[in-house]
Amino acid sequence: MPAIELDHVTKVYRRHGRRRQFATLKSALLTGSLVKHLRPDESFSALRDVSLTVPKGACYGVIGRNGSGKSTLLKLVAGITKPTSGVVGVTGRVSALIELGAGFHPEISGRENVFINGIMLGLSRREISDRFDEIVEFAELEDVIEAPVKTYSSGMYLRLGFAVAINVNPDILLVDEVLAVGDEGFSLKCLDKFAEFKRRGKTILLVTHGLSLVERFCDEAVWLEAGQNRTSGDPKRVVQMYLADVEQAEDQHLAAEDAKAQRTPVTQAPPPGPMTEPAAEGAASAEPEETADVSEPEAADDDEPPANMFVAKEGRWGSGAVRIEQVTLEGSRGPAHVFHTGEAMTIRMRINAVHRVDDFAFGVSIFSSDGVCCYGTNTNIEEMESESLEGEGEVVFAIERLDLVEGTYKLDVAVHKRDGFSYDYHRLLYTFRVKSRTKDAGIYRPRHVWRFTDNVRFKKPDDRSDD
């Protein structure tokens, strides 16, 4: 018999602010369910026809976006709420780490709250007394356990709730994003406790945004989306499908933002902005120039570029003699705004020069989200001497390996004279994201290998234990 089983479970809530008036409670009951006969605009389904089975002794992960129904599922299993339709079956004693310390009273001491909370979770006074020292030690609250809970910090409050709940010795442990209840050391203690539960054959239902934890710790996983079961099974497969969907949504959002950016009108000069970087070579500056230490630079004339190309804010400017009509970012499978570290990236610029131009250069710069220039170059810097340009054409900047660490990046593209005078400068108008399962620090991730002598050994990924 499974530890947890949901059979075609639906949970419907009344929308906040949408009220249906009943004359009396009796009339409400006689007309049937208080939510059953609500109009569609008066209710929403937190879960819709969800079925899943969690075997005894399994660690089962639940992932999904905010509002997908994950916490509702835990509350149904915990018995905090009832399904609108369908059946929820639970076999065994349940401890729910959902709303830690929900039964604590702020005016009385931590000691008294431990006893009250323990009794609420089904322990006897004797059982609580036997485990009291262990609870307090785990929560790291020996020095303040006699003080009123209202004097505790939020972290102390939650640590005490976690310590009580974890010591109920349940058959089924329900966990909802509670690993952030303390510092890193306490979070590791929580993970060790979960691993201990797993070794003892307890059933764990884990809701978390920590996808690496699901892959490493769980036996199975389910992905909920808008209250429905999108897929379930092997954790690595489920996580990969979820990440692919998240990346697709991010890509669509960034594509819409880029489309809006390309409608930015061209001005004759860059908009003023705060000084952020010293003058440097970049997409629109073939040679660095000295700048004064001012907070509001003067606007550029039609005859010369701005003194510092890192001063201007997001925008678009230039004389318009040559225009960049469209900018497209592409990955290995076509247009994209989300890339993975080490993947190829192509920047395509559709250009148009109504009249012949002999003096020109094309440039590209990549900035981190906090304004740090990661890389900038142009054809003049790379010693490509312009000859002629007229009519429509395409410029392609191909990056063989995008060796950036995970993060959000902004892009400058430009066409200008060799001296930096702008024909069409697109400043920070295009955004792309880099994803990586390796959480490096910094900006650039060089290709590298590690080498060790024979006495330095590491476990292979498949050999790592859950604890």
Protein backbone atom coordinates (compact mmCIF):
# COMPACT_ATOMS: atom_id res chain seq x y z
CA MET A 1 0.00 0.00 0.00
CA PRO A 2 1.51 3.39 -0.95
CA ALA A 3 2.27 6.03 1.68
CA ILE A 4 0.48 8.78 -0.29
CA GLU A 5 -2.01 8.48 -3.12
CA LEU A 6 -3.93 11.22 -4.92
CA ASP A 7 -6.70 10.03 -7.23
CA HIS A 8 -8.01 12.69 -9.68
CA VAL A 9 -7.79 15.44 -7.05
CA THR A 10 -9.12 18.93 -7.75
CA LYS A 11 -9.02 21.84 -5.34
CA VAL A 12 -11.08 24.95 -6.12
CA TYR A 13 -10.81 28.22 -4.20
CA ARG A 14 -13.14 31.20 -4.21
CA ARG A 15 -11.47 34.28 -5.69
CA HIS A 16 -10.69 36.99 -3.17
CA GLY A 17 -13.23 39.79 -3.23
CA ARG A 18 -15.81 37.73 -5.14
CA ARG A 19 -18.66 37.19 -2.73
CA ARG A 20 -21.91 35.33 -3.16
CA GLN A 21 -24.37 36.26 -0.46
CA PHE A 22 -26.50 33.61 1.27
CA ALA A 23 -29.39 34.55 3.54
CA THR A 24 -28.43 31.93 6.14
CA LEU A 25 -25.92 29.13 6.61
CA LYS A 26 -28.84 26.71 6.20
CA SER A 27 -29.67 28.13 2.75
CA ALA A 28 -26.02 27.86 1.73
CA LEU A 29 -25.88 24.21 2.78
CA LEU A 30 -29.19 23.36 1.14
CA THR A 31 -28.05 24.79 -2.20
CA GLY A 32 -24.97 22.53 -2.16
CA SER A 33 -21.25 23.21 -2.10
CA LEU A 34 -20.17 26.79 -1.47
CA VAL A 35 -17.74 26.54 -4.42
CA LYS A 36 -19.44 23.98 -6.63
CA HIS A 37 -21.90 26.45 -8.16
CA LEU A 38 -19.62 29.46 -8.44
CA ARG A 39 -19.27 31.05 -11.86
CA PRO A 40 -15.84 30.60 -13.55
CA ASP A 41 -14.87 34.20 -12.76
CA GLU A 42 -15.66 33.63 -9.06
CA SER A 43 -13.23 30.75 -8.52
CA PHE A 44 -9.90 29.29 -9.59
CA SER A 45 -8.50 25.77 -9.49
CA ALA A 46 -5.29 25.43 -7.48
CA LEU A 47 -5.13 21.76 -8.52
CA ARG A 48 -6.93 20.15 -11.46
CA ASP A 49 -7.39 16.40 -11.76
CA VAL A 50 -4.01 15.52 -10.24
CA SER A 51 -3.13 11.87 -9.64
CA LEU A 52 0.12 10.59 -8.16
CA THR A 53 1.39 7.75 -6.02
CA VAL A 54 4.25 7.98 -3.51
CA PRO A 55 5.56 4.56 -2.38
CA LYS A 56 6.52 3.98 1.24
CA GLY A 57 10.12 4.90 1.94
CA ALA A 58 10.46 7.07 -1.18
CA CYS A 59 11.68 10.65 -1.40
CA TYR A 60 9.34 12.37 -3.85
CA GLY A 61 10.10 15.83 -5.21
CA VAL A 62 7.51 18.40 -6.30
CA ILE A 63 8.69 21.21 -8.60
CA GLY A 64 7.02 24.00 -10.54
CA ARG A 65 6.66 27.75 -10.78
CA ASN A 66 5.14 29.89 -8.04
CA GLY A 67 1.37 29.44 -8.06
CA SER A 68 1.50 26.03 -9.72
CA GLY A 69 -0.27 24.29 -6.79
CA LYS A 70 2.72 22.77 -4.95
CA SER A 71 1.85 24.08 -1.49
CA THR A 72 -1.84 23.25 -1.99
CA LEU A 73 -0.84 19.66 -2.71
CA LEU A 74 1.10 19.47 0.58
CA LYS A 75 -1.79 20.98 2.52
CA LEU A 76 -4.14 18.35 1.08
CA VAL A 77 -1.78 15.54 2.08
CA ALA A 78 -1.33 17.08 5.54
CA GLY A 79 -5.11 17.28 6.02
CA ILE A 80 -5.01 21.06 6.46
CA THR A 81 -7.57 21.41 3.67
CA LYS A 82 -9.89 19.02 1.83
CA PRO A 83 -10.14 18.37 -1.92
CA THR A 84 -13.08 19.77 -3.86
CA SER A 85 -13.20 16.46 -5.71
CA GLY A 86 -11.11 13.31 -5.86
CA VAL A 87 -9.55 11.25 -3.07
CA VAL A 88 -6.41 11.85 -0.99
CA GLY A 89 -5.12 8.74 0.78
CA VAL A 90 -2.36 8.89 3.42
CA THR A 91 -1.02 5.91 5.39
CA GLY A 92 1.09 6.69 8.45
CA ARG A 93 1.85 9.47 10.88
CA VAL A 94 2.45 12.83 9.14
CA SER A 95 4.66 15.75 10.15
CA ALA A 96 4.35 18.83 7.95
CA LEU A 97 7.14 21.37 7.66
CA ILE A 98 4.88 23.83 5.85
CA GLU A 99 4.20 26.78 8.13
CA LEU A 100 6.83 26.40 10.83
CA GLY A 101 5.84 27.62 14.26
CA ALA A 102 2.26 28.33 13.18
CA GLY A 103 1.02 27.33 16.66
CA PHE A 104 3.57 29.34 18.66
CA HIS A 105 2.34 31.97 21.12
CA PRO A 106 4.59 35.05 21.20
CA GLU A 107 3.96 35.94 24.86
CA ILE A 108 5.16 32.68 26.41
CA SER A 109 8.60 31.09 26.52
CA GLY A 110 10.23 28.87 23.93
CA ARG A 111 10.06 25.97 26.42
CA GLU A 112 6.29 26.27 26.82
CA ASN A 113 5.82 26.64 23.07
CA VAL A 114 7.80 23.45 22.44
CA PHE A 115 5.37 21.51 24.64
CA ILE A 116 2.27 23.14 23.11
CA ASN A 117 3.50 22.65 19.54
CA GLY A 118 4.58 19.07 20.23
CA ILE A 119 1.16 18.18 21.62
CA MET A 120 -0.47 19.75 18.54
CA LEU A 121 1.70 17.45 16.40
CA GLY A 122 0.53 14.38 18.31
CA LEU A 123 3.23 13.81 20.96
CA SER A 124 2.51 13.13 24.62
CA ARG A 125 4.03 15.33 27.37
CA ARG A 126 6.37 12.50 28.30
CA GLU A 127 7.56 12.12 24.71
CA ILE A 128 8.20 15.86 24.50
CA SER A 129 10.13 15.82 27.81
CA ASP A 130 12.30 12.97 26.55
CA ARG A 131 13.12 14.85 23.34
CA PHE A 132 13.21 18.39 24.72
CA ASP A 133 16.99 18.70 25.06
CA GLU A 134 17.50 17.29 21.58
CA ILE A 135 14.97 19.77 20.14
CA VAL A 136 16.63 22.78 21.80
CA GLU A 137 20.13 21.65 20.83
CA PHE A 138 19.10 21.13 17.22
CA ALA A 139 17.52 24.61 17.10
CA GLU A 140 20.68 26.09 18.69
CA LEU A 141 18.56 28.03 21.20
CA GLU A 142 19.94 26.83 24.56
CA ASP A 143 20.60 30.39 25.77
CA VAL A 144 17.14 31.81 24.97
CA ILE A 145 14.74 28.89 25.41
CA GLU A 146 13.28 30.43 28.59
CA ALA A 147 12.68 33.83 26.93
CA PRO A 148 9.32 34.77 25.34
CA VAL A 149 9.14 33.82 21.68
CA LYS A 150 8.31 37.44 20.77
CA THR A 151 11.94 38.29 21.57
CA TYR A 152 13.24 35.79 18.97
CA SER A 153 14.46 36.78 15.55
CA SER A 154 12.56 35.33 12.58
CA GLY A 155 15.38 32.83 12.01
CA MET A 156 15.31 31.66 15.65
CA TYR A 157 11.52 31.36 15.52
CA LEU A 158 11.60 29.19 12.42
CA ARG A 159 14.51 27.07 13.65
CA LEU A 160 12.54 26.17 16.76
CA GLY A 161 9.49 25.24 14.68
CA PHE A 162 11.65 23.07 12.43
CA ALA A 163 13.31 21.35 15.39
CA VAL A 164 9.94 20.47 16.96
CA ALA A 165 8.44 19.19 13.70
CA ILE A 166 11.48 17.10 12.79
CA ASN A 167 11.47 15.34 16.17
CA VAL A 168 7.90 14.06 15.93
CA ASN A 169 9.35 10.88 14.37
CA PRO A 170 6.74 10.69 11.59
CA ASP A 171 6.21 8.03 8.95
CA ILE A 172 5.70 10.76 6.35
CA LEU A 173 7.56 14.06 6.28
CA LEU A 174 6.11 16.93 4.24
CA VAL A 175 8.65 19.66 3.45
CA ASP A 176 7.84 23.00 1.83
CA GLU A 177 10.88 25.23 1.12
CA VAL A 178 12.12 25.33 4.71
CA LEU A 179 15.86 25.02 4.07
CA ALA A 180 16.17 28.81 4.28
CA VAL A 181 15.25 28.90 7.98
CA GLY A 182 18.80 29.61 9.08
CA ASP A 183 22.34 30.15 7.99
CA GLU A 184 24.27 27.76 5.78
CA GLY A 185 25.35 25.62 8.73
CA PHE A 186 21.78 25.10 9.89
CA SER A 187 20.63 24.31 6.33
CA LEU A 188 23.25 21.55 6.18
CA LYS A 189 21.92 20.16 9.46
CA CYS A 190 18.45 20.08 7.91
CA LEU A 191 19.76 18.16 4.90
CA ASP A 192 21.55 15.70 7.18
CA LYS A 193 18.27 15.14 9.03
CA PHE A 194 16.42 14.48 5.76
CA ALA A 195 19.12 11.98 4.76
CA GLU A 196 18.72 10.25 8.13
CA PHE A 197 14.96 10.00 7.55
CA LYS A 198 15.60 8.50 4.12
CA ARG A 199 18.00 5.88 5.52
CA ARG A 200 15.38 4.90 8.09
CA GLY A 201 12.84 4.22 5.33
CA LYS A 202 10.62 7.23 6.02
CA THR A 203 8.58 8.77 3.22
CA ILE A 204 9.45 12.35 2.24
CA LEU A 205 7.38 14.65 0.04
CA LEU A 206 9.62 17.62 -0.81
CA VAL A 207 8.52 20.89 -2.41
CA THR A 208 11.49 23.01 -3.45
CA HIS A 209 12.96 25.32 -6.06
CA GLY A 210 16.34 23.68 -5.43
CA LEU A 211 16.43 21.54 -8.55
CA SER A 212 19.87 20.11 -7.86
CA LEU A 213 18.52 18.90 -4.50
CA VAL A 214 15.66 17.12 -6.30
CA GLU A 215 18.06 15.46 -8.75
CA ARG A 216 20.44 14.31 -6.01
CA PHE A 217 18.05 13.53 -3.18
CA CYS A 218 14.76 12.32 -4.69
CA ASP A 219 13.76 8.92 -6.09
CA GLU A 220 10.94 10.38 -8.19
CA ALA A 221 9.60 13.83 -9.01
CA VAL A 222 6.47 15.51 -10.36
CA TRP A 223 6.28 18.80 -12.24
CA LEU A 224 3.11 20.81 -11.56
CA GLU A 225 2.11 23.57 -13.96
CA ALA A 226 -1.00 25.72 -13.42
CA GLY A 227 -2.41 23.09 -11.06
CA GLN A 228 -1.89 20.16 -13.43
CA ASN A 229 0.54 17.27 -13.56
CA ARG A 230 2.78 18.04 -16.56
CA THR A 231 5.02 15.00 -16.09
CA SER A 232 6.44 12.73 -13.39
CA GLY A 233 9.05 10.02 -13.00
CA ASP A 234 12.86 10.10 -13.01
CA PRO A 235 13.99 13.33 -11.25
CA LYS A 236 16.71 14.19 -13.78
CA ARG A 237 14.32 13.82 -16.71
CA VAL A 238 11.58 15.84 -14.98
CA VAL A 239 14.01 18.61 -14.00
CA GLN A 240 15.45 18.82 -17.52
CA MET A 241 11.95 19.12 -19.03
CA TYR A 242 11.03 21.79 -16.49
CA LEU A 243 14.22 23.80 -17.14
CA ALA A 244 13.64 23.61 -20.89
CA ASP A 245 10.14 25.02 -20.41
CA VAL A 246 11.41 27.80 -18.11
CA GLU A 247 14.08 28.72 -20.67
CA GLN A 248 11.49 28.81 -23.44
CA ALA A 249 9.34 31.21 -21.40
CA GLU A 250 12.38 33.39 -20.65
CA ASP A 251 13.31 33.38 -24.33
CA GLN A 252 9.83 34.52 -25.35
CA HIS A 253 9.90 37.32 -22.77
CA LEU A 254 13.33 38.54 -23.86
CA ALA A 255 12.33 38.32 -27.53
CA ALA A 256 9.33 40.56 -26.82
CA GLU A 257 11.58 43.04 -24.99
CA ASP A 258 14.03 43.06 -27.92
CA ALA A 259 11.22 43.65 -30.39
CA LYS A 260 10.17 46.66 -28.32
CA ALA A 261 13.80 47.87 -28.18
CA GLN A 262 14.15 47.78 -31.96
CA ARG A 263 11.32 50.28 -32.21
CA THR A 264 13.38 52.81 -30.22
CA PRO A 265 13.59 56.05 -32.26
CA VAL A 266 17.02 57.27 -33.39
CA THR A 267 18.26 60.53 -31.84
CA GLN A 268 21.14 62.67 -33.04
CA ALA A 269 23.12 62.25 -29.85
CA PRO A 270 23.30 59.80 -26.92
CA PRO A 271 21.11 60.61 -23.90
CA PRO A 272 23.07 61.88 -20.85
CA GLY A 273 23.68 59.51 -17.99
CA PRO A 274 25.88 58.98 -14.93
CA MET A 275 29.60 58.28 -15.36
CA THR A 276 30.07 54.53 -15.00
CA GLU A 277 33.37 53.52 -16.67
CA PRO A 278 36.53 55.21 -17.93
CA ALA A 279 36.80 55.63 -21.69
CA ALA A 280 37.66 52.38 -23.42
CA GLU A 281 37.55 50.70 -26.79
CA GLY A 282 34.12 49.24 -27.50
CA ALA A 283 31.46 48.85 -30.12
CA ALA A 284 31.40 52.53 -31.10
CA SER A 285 34.85 53.76 -30.18
CA ALA A 286 37.85 52.83 -32.28
CA GLU A 287 40.29 54.66 -30.02
CA PRO A 288 40.01 55.49 -26.29
CA GLU A 289 39.65 59.15 -25.39
CA GLU A 290 40.30 61.02 -22.14
CA THR A 291 37.21 62.32 -20.34
CA ALA A 292 36.66 64.81 -17.58
CA ASP A 293 35.25 63.68 -14.25
CA VAL A 294 31.72 64.95 -14.75
CA SER A 295 28.34 63.50 -13.92
CA GLU A 296 26.50 64.94 -16.94
CA PRO A 297 28.52 64.72 -20.19
CA GLU A 298 27.79 67.09 -23.05
CA ALA A 299 25.76 65.70 -25.93
CA ALA A 300 27.68 64.78 -29.05
CA ASP A 301 27.54 66.95 -32.17
CA ASP A 302 26.69 65.49 -35.54
CA ASP A 303 30.44 65.73 -36.29
CA GLU A 304 31.95 63.82 -33.36
CA PRO A 305 31.17 60.86 -31.09
CA PRO A 306 30.48 61.30 -27.38
CA ALA A 307 33.67 61.46 -25.31
CA ASN A 308 32.84 58.31 -23.33
CA MET A 309 30.73 55.55 -24.84
CA PHE A 310 30.23 53.99 -21.37
CA VAL A 311 28.51 57.14 -20.08
CA ALA A 312 25.27 57.04 -22.03
CA LYS A 313 22.21 55.22 -20.77
CA GLU A 314 20.17 52.70 -22.71
CA GLY A 315 19.03 54.12 -26.03
CA ARG A 316 19.70 54.56 -29.72
CA TRP A 317 21.38 57.40 -31.57
CA GLY A 318 23.27 58.35 -34.74
CA SER A 319 23.06 60.32 -37.95
CA GLY A 320 21.11 57.59 -39.74
CA ALA A 321 23.36 57.52 -42.82
CA VAL A 322 23.61 53.77 -42.17
CA ARG A 323 20.90 52.05 -40.15
CA ILE A 324 20.77 48.76 -38.29
CA GLU A 325 17.24 47.72 -39.19
CA GLN A 326 17.08 44.46 -37.25
CA VAL A 327 19.19 42.55 -34.72
CA THR A 328 18.72 38.80 -34.20
CA LEU A 329 20.43 36.56 -31.67
CA GLU A 330 20.77 32.91 -32.67
CA GLY A 331 21.84 29.71 -31.00
CA SER A 332 22.45 26.28 -32.45
CA ARG A 333 18.71 25.83 -33.11
CA GLY A 334 17.82 29.24 -34.48
CA PRO A 335 16.70 32.52 -32.85
CA ALA A 336 17.31 32.47 -29.10
CA HIS A 337 17.83 34.67 -26.06
CA VAL A 338 18.78 31.94 -23.58
CA PHE A 339 22.11 30.20 -24.05
CA HIS A 340 24.23 27.73 -22.10
CA THR A 341 27.84 28.32 -21.15
CA GLY A 342 30.08 27.11 -23.97
CA GLU A 343 27.39 27.19 -26.66
CA ALA A 344 27.79 29.02 -29.95
CA MET A 345 26.09 32.41 -30.34
CA THR A 346 25.48 34.39 -33.52
CA ILE A 347 24.52 38.07 -33.71
CA ARG A 348 22.93 39.04 -37.03
CA MET A 349 22.47 42.69 -38.02
CA ARG A 350 20.32 43.61 -41.01
CA ILE A 351 21.69 46.94 -42.28
CA ASN A 352 20.76 49.56 -44.88
CA ALA A 353 22.71 52.47 -46.36
CA VAL A 354 20.54 54.61 -48.65
CA HIS A 355 23.63 56.34 -50.12
CA ARG A 356 27.15 55.01 -50.60
CA VAL A 357 29.39 55.25 -47.52
CA ASP A 358 33.15 54.62 -47.63
CA ASP A 359 34.08 55.24 -43.99
CA PHE A 360 32.41 52.74 -41.65
CA ALA A 361 33.00 50.14 -38.94
CA PHE A 362 30.73 47.65 -37.19
CA GLY A 363 31.01 46.95 -33.49
CA VAL A 364 29.69 44.71 -30.73
CA SER A 365 30.02 44.94 -26.94
CA ILE A 366 28.75 42.62 -24.21
CA PHE A 367 27.96 43.98 -20.74
CA SER A 368 26.99 42.23 -17.53
CA SER A 369 23.68 43.26 -15.95
CA ASP A 370 25.52 45.54 -13.51
CA GLY A 371 27.25 47.45 -16.31
CA VAL A 372 30.66 45.74 -16.47
CA CYS A 373 32.00 45.52 -20.01
CA CYS A 374 32.78 41.85 -20.60
CA TYR A 375 34.03 42.32 -24.14
CA GLY A 376 33.99 44.91 -26.90
CA THR A 377 35.38 45.02 -30.40
CA ASN A 378 34.78 46.51 -33.84
CA THR A 379 36.02 45.95 -37.36
CA ASN A 380 38.38 48.93 -37.18
CA ILE A 381 40.07 47.60 -34.02
CA GLU A 382 40.50 44.29 -35.84
CA GLU A 383 42.20 46.15 -38.72
CA MET A 384 39.48 45.69 -41.33
CA GLU A 385 39.71 48.81 -43.52
CA SER A 386 36.35 49.87 -44.94
CA GLU A 387 35.96 50.39 -48.70
CA SER A 388 32.28 50.85 -49.60
CA LEU A 389 28.77 50.19 -48.34
CA GLU A 390 25.48 50.85 -50.14
CA GLY A 391 21.99 49.38 -49.97
CA GLU A 392 20.75 46.53 -47.81
CA GLY A 393 23.00 43.86 -46.38
CA GLU A 394 23.76 41.66 -43.39
CA VAL A 395 26.55 41.65 -40.83
CA VAL A 396 27.16 38.48 -38.80
CA PHE A 397 29.20 38.33 -35.59
CA ALA A 398 29.71 34.63 -34.72
CA ILE A 399 30.97 33.54 -31.29
CA GLU A 400 32.21 29.96 -31.39
CA ARG A 401 31.97 29.46 -27.61
CA LEU A 402 30.05 31.76 -25.28
CA ASP A 403 32.32 31.21 -22.28
CA LEU A 404 30.38 33.40 -19.85
CA VAL A 405 29.22 32.31 -16.42
CA GLU A 406 25.52 32.14 -15.62
CA GLY A 407 23.82 35.51 -15.60
CA THR A 408 21.97 38.19 -17.56
CA TYR A 409 23.87 40.20 -20.15
CA LYS A 410 23.24 43.28 -22.30
CA LEU A 411 24.40 43.89 -25.83
CA ASP A 412 25.58 46.96 -27.75
CA VAL A 413 25.67 46.89 -31.55
CA ALA A 414 26.76 49.80 -33.71
CA VAL A 415 27.80 51.07 -37.11
CA HIS A 416 29.95 54.19 -37.09
CA LYS A 417 32.83 55.98 -38.75
CA ARG A 418 36.32 54.77 -37.97
CA ASP A 419 36.78 57.78 -35.67
CA GLY A 420 33.70 56.74 -33.65
CA PHE A 421 31.07 59.10 -35.14
CA SER A 422 27.80 57.15 -34.90
CA TYR A 423 25.63 56.26 -37.85
CA ASP A 424 23.41 54.01 -35.71
CA TYR A 425 24.31 53.01 -32.16
CA HIS A 426 22.08 50.60 -30.19
CA ARG A 427 23.04 50.98 -26.54
CA LEU A 428 22.10 48.11 -24.12
CA LEU A 429 18.90 47.43 -26.08
CA TYR A 430 19.28 43.64 -26.30
CA THR A 431 19.26 41.20 -23.43
CA PHE A 432 20.27 37.55 -23.30
CA ARG A 433 20.76 35.05 -20.50
CA VAL A 434 23.43 32.44 -19.98
CA LYS A 435 22.53 29.28 -18.06
CA SER A 436 24.90 26.84 -16.43
CA ARG A 437 24.54 23.96 -13.98
CA THR A 438 28.00 24.93 -12.68
CA LYS A 439 27.64 27.95 -10.40
CA ASP A 440 30.91 29.77 -11.15
CA ALA A 441 31.70 33.25 -9.89
CA GLY A 442 32.70 36.24 -12.00
CA ILE A 443 31.94 36.77 -15.68
CA TYR A 444 34.25 34.68 -17.84
CA ARG A 445 34.56 30.89 -17.73
CA PRO A 446 37.77 29.80 -19.49
CA ARG A 447 38.14 26.27 -20.80
CA HIS A 448 40.13 24.37 -18.20
CA VAL A 449 41.01 21.03 -16.64
CA TRP A 450 42.01 19.96 -13.13
CA ARG A 451 44.95 17.63 -12.52
CA PHE A 452 45.86 15.85 -9.27
CA THR A 453 48.43 13.43 -7.98
CA ASP A 454 47.27 9.86 -7.37
CA ASN A 455 46.73 10.39 -3.63
CA VAL A 456 44.10 13.10 -4.22
CA ARG A 457 40.83 11.32 -5.01
CA PHE A 458 37.28 12.46 -5.70
CA LYS A 459 34.12 10.41 -5.96
CA LYS A 460 32.55 10.08 -9.36
CA PRO A 461 29.11 11.81 -9.60
CA ASP A 462 27.27 8.45 -9.67
CA ASP A 463 29.12 7.27 -6.56
CA ARG A 464 28.04 10.15 -4.32
CA SER A 465 25.70 9.09 -1.55
CA ASP A 466 22.63 11.04 -0.62
CA ASP A 467 23.98 11.87 2.80
